Protein backbone atom coordinates (compact mmCIF):
# COMPACT_ATOMS: atom_id res chain seq x y z
CA MET A 1 0.00 0.00 0.00
CA GLU A 2 1.54 3.26 -1.10
CA HIS A 3 0.76 6.14 1.23
CA CYS A 4 2.55 9.41 1.84
CA LEU A 5 1.58 12.60 3.54
CA SER A 6 2.55 15.65 1.49
CA GLY A 7 4.46 18.04 3.68
CA ASN A 8 5.95 17.32 7.08
CA TYR A 9 4.24 14.08 7.99
CA SER A 10 4.45 10.51 6.74
CA CYS A 11 2.12 7.52 7.07
CA LYS A 12 3.24 3.92 7.29
CA SER A 13 1.02 1.13 6.08
CA LYS A 14 -0.15 -1.88 8.08
CA PHE A 15 -0.35 -0.17 11.41
CA ILE A 16 -2.87 -0.35 14.22
CA VAL A 17 -3.00 2.58 16.60
CA ILE A 18 -5.23 2.37 19.64
CA PHE A 19 -6.78 5.57 20.83
CA PHE A 20 -8.60 6.13 24.08
CA LEU A 21 -11.29 8.79 23.84
CA ILE A 22 -14.13 9.68 26.16
CA LEU A 23 -17.27 9.08 24.12
CA PRO A 24 -19.90 11.78 24.67
CA PHE A 25 -23.33 11.44 26.22
CA PHE A 26 -25.60 14.01 24.63
CA GLN A 27 -28.84 14.81 22.91
CA THR A 28 -29.06 16.99 19.79
CA SER A 29 -31.68 18.05 17.30
CA TYR A 30 -29.45 16.72 14.52
CA ALA A 31 -29.55 13.18 15.89
CA GLN A 32 -31.44 10.58 13.92
CA ASN A 33 -31.52 8.21 16.86
CA ASN A 34 -31.23 9.01 20.55
CA LYS A 35 -28.28 6.71 21.32
CA HIS A 36 -26.46 6.95 24.62
CA ASN A 37 -22.68 6.69 24.83
CA ALA A 38 -22.53 6.52 21.05
CA PHE A 39 -19.55 6.92 18.78
CA VAL A 40 -20.65 10.06 16.96
CA VAL A 41 -19.71 10.64 13.32
CA VAL A 42 -20.63 13.90 11.60
CA LEU A 43 -20.89 13.50 7.82
CA ASP A 44 -20.46 16.64 5.75
CA ALA A 45 -21.59 16.72 2.12
CA GLY A 46 -19.58 19.49 0.48
CA HIS A 47 -21.24 22.53 -1.10
CA GLY A 48 -25.03 22.70 -1.61
CA GLY A 49 -27.75 25.21 -2.44
CA LYS A 50 -26.37 28.31 -4.14
CA ASP A 51 -22.90 26.72 -4.06
CA PRO A 52 -22.80 23.99 -6.76
CA GLY A 53 -19.19 23.01 -6.25
CA ASN A 54 -17.30 21.98 -9.37
CA MET A 55 -19.23 21.12 -12.55
CA GLY A 56 -16.63 19.09 -14.44
CA ASN A 57 -18.07 17.47 -17.58
CA GLY A 58 -21.50 18.69 -16.52
CA PHE A 59 -21.57 16.56 -13.36
CA LYS A 60 -22.68 18.32 -10.17
CA GLU A 61 -20.40 18.02 -7.16
CA LYS A 62 -23.02 19.11 -4.64
CA GLU A 63 -25.43 16.37 -5.73
CA ILE A 64 -22.87 13.55 -5.93
CA ALA A 65 -21.29 14.47 -2.58
CA LEU A 66 -24.71 14.39 -0.92
CA GLN A 67 -25.58 10.98 -2.33
CA ILE A 68 -22.24 9.53 -1.20
CA VAL A 69 -22.73 10.97 2.28
CA LEU A 70 -26.26 9.63 2.62
CA ASN A 71 -24.99 6.20 1.56
CA ILE A 72 -22.18 6.38 4.13
CA GLY A 73 -24.80 7.12 6.78
CA LYS A 74 -26.88 4.11 5.76
CA GLU A 75 -23.83 1.87 6.04
CA LEU A 76 -22.81 3.25 9.44
CA ASP A 77 -26.36 2.86 10.77
CA LYS A 78 -25.84 -0.90 10.45
CA HIS A 79 -23.22 -0.77 13.22
CA PRO A 80 -24.48 -0.69 16.83
CA GLY A 81 -23.01 2.09 18.90
CA VAL A 82 -22.47 4.46 15.98
CA GLN A 83 -24.54 7.64 15.78
CA VAL A 84 -24.61 9.49 12.47
CA LEU A 85 -25.26 13.23 12.17
CA TYR A 86 -25.33 15.24 8.97
CA THR A 87 -24.46 18.84 8.17
CA ARG A 88 -27.05 18.68 5.41
CA THR A 89 -29.42 16.05 4.03
CA LYS A 90 -30.79 18.06 1.11
CA ASP A 91 -29.75 20.71 -1.39
CA VAL A 92 -29.21 23.65 0.97
CA PHE A 93 -26.35 26.07 1.56
CA VAL A 94 -24.50 25.64 4.86
CA THR A 95 -21.57 27.86 5.84
CA LEU A 96 -18.24 26.28 6.66
CA LYS A 97 -18.45 27.62 10.20
CA ASP A 98 -21.93 26.17 10.69
CA ARG A 99 -20.76 22.78 9.44
CA ALA A 100 -17.98 22.76 12.02
CA GLU A 101 -20.28 24.01 14.78
CA ILE A 102 -22.68 21.09 14.20
CA ALA A 103 -19.79 18.73 14.92
CA ASN A 104 -18.44 20.75 17.83
CA ASP A 105 -21.84 21.17 19.50
CA ALA A 106 -22.44 17.44 19.23
CA LYS A 107 -18.99 16.70 20.71
CA ALA A 108 -18.50 14.36 17.78
CA ASP A 109 -15.77 11.75 17.67
CA LEU A 110 -15.14 12.20 13.94
CA PHE A 111 -15.84 14.79 11.24
CA VAL A 112 -15.77 13.51 7.65
CA SER A 113 -16.23 15.95 4.76
CA VAL A 114 -16.85 14.53 1.28
CA HIS A 115 -15.99 16.38 -1.95
CA LEU A 116 -15.14 15.76 -5.60
CA ASN A 117 -12.02 17.05 -7.27
CA ALA A 118 -11.38 19.07 -10.43
CA PHE A 119 -8.41 20.05 -12.56
CA ARG A 120 -7.82 22.23 -15.60
CA THR A 121 -7.29 19.12 -17.77
CA GLY A 122 -9.07 15.76 -17.84
CA THR A 123 -6.00 13.66 -17.08
CA PRO A 124 -5.72 13.58 -13.24
CA HIS A 125 -7.73 10.89 -11.50
CA GLY A 126 -7.89 9.03 -8.21
CA ALA A 127 -8.90 9.62 -4.61
CA GLU A 128 -7.01 11.55 -1.94
CA THR A 129 -7.74 12.32 1.70
CA TYR A 130 -6.65 15.49 3.49
CA VAL A 131 -5.87 16.39 7.07
CA LEU A 132 -5.38 19.97 8.22
CA GLY A 133 -1.96 21.48 7.68
CA THR A 134 -0.01 24.20 5.92
CA TYR A 135 0.37 23.46 2.22
CA ARG A 136 3.74 22.40 0.87
CA ASN A 137 2.99 22.16 -2.85
CA LYS A 138 0.89 24.08 -5.37
CA ASP A 139 -1.56 21.26 -6.08
CA ASN A 140 -2.56 21.04 -2.41
CA LEU A 141 -2.90 24.82 -2.26
CA ASP A 142 -5.09 24.86 -5.37
CA VAL A 143 -7.46 22.29 -3.89
CA ALA A 144 -7.73 24.22 -0.61
CA MET A 145 -8.26 27.52 -2.42
CA ARG A 146 -11.08 26.06 -4.48
CA GLU A 147 -12.87 24.49 -1.52
CA ASN A 148 -12.40 27.53 0.72
CA SER A 149 -13.68 29.98 -1.89
CA VAL A 150 -17.23 29.07 -0.83
CA ILE A 151 -16.91 31.64 1.97
CA TYR A 152 -17.31 34.39 -0.65
CA LEU A 153 -20.98 33.36 -0.70
CA GLU A 154 -21.31 34.09 3.02
CA ASP A 155 -22.21 37.42 4.57
CA ASP A 156 -19.43 39.04 6.65
CA TYR A 157 -17.00 36.26 5.79
CA GLU A 158 -13.97 38.44 6.57
CA GLU A 159 -15.15 38.90 10.15
CA THR A 160 -16.32 35.30 10.55
CA TYR A 161 -12.96 33.86 9.48
CA ASP A 162 -10.69 36.53 11.00
CA GLY A 163 -9.71 38.12 7.71
CA PHE A 164 -8.83 34.83 6.00
CA ASP A 165 -8.53 35.29 2.22
CA PRO A 166 -8.96 32.03 0.24
CA LYS A 167 -7.07 33.48 -2.73
CA SER A 168 -4.06 34.65 -0.74
CA PRO A 169 -1.17 32.18 -0.31
CA GLU A 170 -0.08 34.26 2.68
CA SER A 171 -3.27 33.27 4.52
CA TYR A 172 -2.27 29.62 4.20
CA ILE A 173 1.35 30.16 5.14
CA GLY A 174 0.15 31.74 8.37
CA MET A 175 -2.37 29.01 9.11
CA THR A 176 -1.42 27.24 12.34
CA LEU A 177 -2.17 23.62 12.99
CA MET A 178 -5.31 24.30 15.01
CA GLN A 179 -5.92 20.56 15.06
CA GLU A 180 -2.42 19.54 16.06
CA GLU A 181 -3.59 17.52 19.06
CA TYR A 182 -5.85 15.48 16.74
CA LEU A 183 -3.36 15.16 13.89
CA ASP A 184 -2.27 11.58 14.56
CA GLN A 185 -5.86 10.36 14.81
CA SER A 186 -6.82 12.22 11.62
CA ILE A 187 -3.91 10.66 9.76
CA VAL A 188 -4.90 7.18 10.90
CA LEU A 189 -8.48 7.67 9.72
CA ALA A 190 -7.29 9.11 6.40
CA ASP A 191 -4.96 6.17 5.86
CA PHE A 192 -7.70 3.65 6.60
CA VAL A 193 -10.01 5.33 4.06
CA GLN A 194 -7.31 5.43 1.38
CA HIS A 195 -6.53 1.78 2.07
CA GLU A 196 -10.17 0.86 1.36
CA PHE A 197 -10.20 2.88 -1.86
CA THR A 198 -7.04 1.37 -3.23
CA THR A 199 -7.18 -2.26 -2.08
CA ARG A 200 -10.87 -3.07 -2.31
CA LEU A 201 -12.05 -0.68 -5.03
CA LYS A 202 -8.73 -0.55 -6.91
CA ARG A 203 -9.01 3.22 -7.27
CA TYR A 204 -5.83 5.14 -8.06
CA ASN A 205 -4.16 6.15 -4.81
CA ARG A 206 -3.27 9.85 -4.56
CA GLY A 207 -2.37 9.40 -0.91
CA VAL A 208 -2.91 11.16 2.40
CA LYS A 209 -2.12 14.86 2.17
CA LYS A 210 -2.39 18.06 4.16
CA ALA A 211 -3.68 21.48 3.27
CA GLY A 212 -5.43 24.46 4.82
CA PHE A 213 -9.14 23.70 4.73
CA LEU A 214 -11.18 26.13 6.82
CA VAL A 215 -13.85 23.58 7.64
CA LEU A 216 -11.19 21.32 9.21
CA ARG A 217 -9.58 24.22 11.04
CA GLU A 218 -12.84 25.00 12.81
CA THR A 219 -13.51 21.49 14.16
CA TYR A 220 -12.32 20.14 17.51
CA MET A 221 -12.03 16.40 16.84
CA PRO A 222 -10.18 14.14 14.38
CA SER A 223 -11.27 15.40 10.95
CA VAL A 224 -10.62 14.59 7.31
CA LEU A 225 -11.69 15.95 3.93
CA ILE A 226 -12.02 13.32 1.20
CA GLU A 227 -11.70 14.16 -2.48
CA THR A 228 -13.33 11.02 -3.88
CA GLY A 229 -12.24 11.58 -7.47
CA PHE A 230 -12.09 14.00 -10.41
CA LEU A 231 -15.26 15.07 -12.19
CA THR A 232 -13.01 16.64 -14.83
CA ASN A 233 -11.86 13.12 -15.74
CA LEU A 234 -14.73 11.84 -17.88
CA SER A 235 -14.36 8.18 -16.96
CA GLU A 236 -14.06 8.88 -13.25
CA GLY A 237 -16.86 11.43 -13.40
CA ARG A 238 -19.20 8.84 -14.88
CA TYR A 239 -18.22 6.34 -12.18
CA LEU A 240 -18.90 8.82 -9.39
CA ASN A 241 -22.12 10.06 -10.96
CA ALA A 242 -23.51 6.52 -11.11
CA ALA A 243 -25.44 5.10 -8.15
CA SER A 244 -23.19 2.01 -8.12
CA GLY A 245 -20.04 4.13 -7.90
CA GLN A 246 -21.51 6.29 -5.15
CA GLN A 247 -22.49 3.22 -3.13
CA ALA A 248 -19.06 1.63 -3.59
CA MET A 249 -17.22 4.76 -2.46
CA ALA A 250 -19.60 5.14 0.49
CA LYS A 251 -19.01 1.55 1.58
CA ALA A 252 -15.24 2.06 1.40
CA ILE A 253 -15.43 5.24 3.51
CA SER A 254 -17.76 3.67 6.08
CA ASP A 255 -15.49 0.62 6.36
CA GLY A 256 -12.53 2.93 7.00
CA ILE A 257 -14.50 4.73 9.71
CA VAL A 258 -15.54 1.46 11.36
CA ARG A 259 -11.97 0.18 11.24
CA TYR A 260 -10.86 3.39 12.94
CA LYS A 261 -13.56 3.04 15.60
CA ASN A 262 -12.49 -0.54 16.29
CA THR A 263 -8.95 0.61 17.08
CA LEU A 264 -10.21 2.75 19.95
CA ASN A 265 -10.73 -0.10 22.36
CA LEU A 266 -7.66 -1.81 23.75
CA GLU A 267 -9.86 -4.65 24.98
CA ASP A 268 -10.92 -5.44 21.40
CA ILE A 269 -7.43 -5.23 19.96
CA THR A 270 -5.88 -7.39 22.71
CA LYS A 271 -8.69 -9.95 22.83
CA GLY A 272 -7.23 -13.32 23.77
CA LEU A 273 -4.28 -11.81 25.61
CA PRO A 274 -4.23 -11.83 29.43
CA VAL A 275 -5.42 -8.61 31.07
CA THR A 276 -2.73 -8.90 33.73
CA THR A 277 0.34 -11.07 34.12
CA ASP A 278 2.72 -11.62 36.99
CA VAL A 279 5.72 -11.93 34.69
CA ALA A 280 6.09 -10.28 31.32
CA ASP A 281 6.31 -12.70 28.42
CA ASN A 282 9.64 -11.80 26.88
CA THR A 283 9.00 -14.13 23.95
CA SER A 284 5.87 -12.22 22.92
CA LYS A 285 6.01 -10.37 19.61
CA VAL A 286 3.36 -7.91 20.82
CA THR A 287 4.39 -4.87 22.84
CA TYR A 288 2.62 -1.71 23.97
CA ARG A 289 3.91 1.84 24.32
CA ILE A 290 2.26 5.14 25.19
CA GLN A 291 2.66 7.94 22.65
CA VAL A 292 2.74 11.18 24.60
CA ALA A 293 3.68 13.71 21.93
CA THR A 294 4.47 14.40 18.29
CA SER A 295 6.65 17.35 17.36
CA ARG A 296 8.81 18.72 14.59
CA ARG A 297 11.29 19.70 17.30
CA ASN A 298 14.05 17.30 18.25
CA LEU A 299 13.64 17.50 22.02
CA LYS A 300 16.02 16.04 24.53
CA THR A 301 14.26 13.25 26.43
CA LEU A 302 14.77 14.88 29.81
CA PRO A 303 12.11 14.81 32.57
CA GLN A 304 11.83 18.60 32.54
CA ASN A 305 10.79 18.47 28.87
CA PHE A 306 8.05 15.89 29.52
CA LYS A 307 6.27 17.02 32.69
CA GLY A 308 8.52 14.99 34.94
CA LEU A 309 8.20 11.68 33.04
CA ARG A 310 11.41 9.69 32.92
CA ASP A 311 12.70 7.18 30.38
CA ILE A 312 10.99 8.81 27.40
CA GLU A 313 11.95 7.21 24.08
CA LYS A 314 12.18 9.13 20.81
CA GLU A 315 11.67 7.96 17.23
CA ARG A 316 11.94 9.93 14.03
CA GLU A 317 9.37 9.38 11.29
CA GLY A 318 9.93 11.55 8.25
CA GLU A 319 10.25 15.12 9.48
CA VAL A 320 8.52 14.61 12.83
CA PHE A 321 9.59 13.08 16.12
CA ARG A 322 7.32 10.83 18.17
CA TYR A 323 7.87 10.47 21.91
CA TYR A 324 6.88 7.33 23.83
CA TYR A 325 6.62 6.29 27.46
CA GLY A 326 6.79 2.72 28.71
CA ASN A 327 7.33 -0.53 26.86
CA THR A 328 5.50 -3.66 27.95
CA THR A 329 4.03 -6.93 26.72
CA ASP A 330 1.28 -6.72 29.35
CA PRO A 331 -1.96 -4.93 28.29
CA GLY A 332 -2.82 -4.35 31.94
CA GLN A 333 0.47 -2.56 32.53
CA ALA A 334 -0.12 -0.56 29.34
CA ARG A 335 -3.33 0.76 30.88
CA ASP A 336 -1.40 1.70 34.01
CA PHE A 337 1.17 3.55 31.90
CA LEU A 338 -1.61 5.38 30.08
CA ASN A 339 -3.19 6.50 33.35
CA GLU A 340 0.21 7.63 34.58
CA VAL A 341 0.93 9.89 31.61
CA LYS A 342 -2.59 11.33 31.68
CA LYS A 343 -2.14 12.22 35.34
CA ALA A 344 1.07 13.98 34.31
CA GLY A 345 -0.98 16.16 31.96
CA TYR A 346 -0.87 14.34 28.61
CA HIS A 347 -4.65 13.97 28.27
CA ASP A 348 -4.51 13.04 24.57
CA ALA A 349 -1.92 10.29 24.98
CA PHE A 350 -2.81 6.91 23.53
CA VAL A 351 -1.58 3.32 23.42
CA VAL A 352 0.35 2.05 20.42
CA LYS A 353 0.37 -1.69 19.81
CA VAL A 354 3.48 -3.00 18.03
CA GLU A 355 3.29 -6.47 16.54
CA ASP A 356 6.17 -8.02 14.61
CA GLY A 357 7.70 -4.57 14.27
CA GLN A 358 4.55 -3.01 12.78
CA LYS A 359 2.53 -0.30 14.56
């Protein structure tokens, strides 16, 4: 599986990362079902109403994106414990800020925005999934500029988005990683979705990328924006405009979301392993570590740099450094390590399972 993250981050295939999140208990007018302690996924169909999106080859992005999203919702509704919310279920205009606020107000666990790509020629094709970040190449910037230009249809957009100008490269250069604490989770979800596209559907893999999408900047949970394909490519446009293509893409996205959800529970991942052991099994090929931080800075692993935690280990992946605490074959001890680092102040720390050298 060929995956790369354009810019400062890289994704490795065949990894399982286990995240511990507190799942929200809430009621909302957007809910289709009143589920308690649900895993909440907000599905965002790009564009709508007076904003048609791109119209490559006469296909309508706003209509195709909505159909894909509704199909994703139908697939996710088959899974107990998942609650699906939508930013729109019909052809209406919704501002980027309102889309994000729906997810934030619901304290959602995931935000997934679905779009369709375009290019000045009909050659480019394939699916790509974005996480929030500062652009590092012109293609990523062009995609973000096109998607962000919808704010010109909003009243008082300059005030709403703090003077952000979708056409100004300087606005993107200055964009901070508002979602930095969710970046790892977003990358994992993006990689799972791309894996489904490329292995099961055999779609061309354009990889996991990062760019400055306003709708992702405004959300406070792991979030991705999926460009499912190019309407400007006639063959791909026909595929995505067909009900069968929309259903296939929706199934791939929902399967990626479910796979992500299933990584959240250490109990599920370690099923069959003892919860506690008196002596660590040194012959085991499965180990657990706690990831406490990701940074572009090469920090010295001193206690004063990590809130008093000792024996921090550092690994470089691409242009970022990941910092880990603890190393054990015992899932019970891994839970103890996780509690320890959270008490130290790393509330977004999570457990990484390493099996046969693969995360």
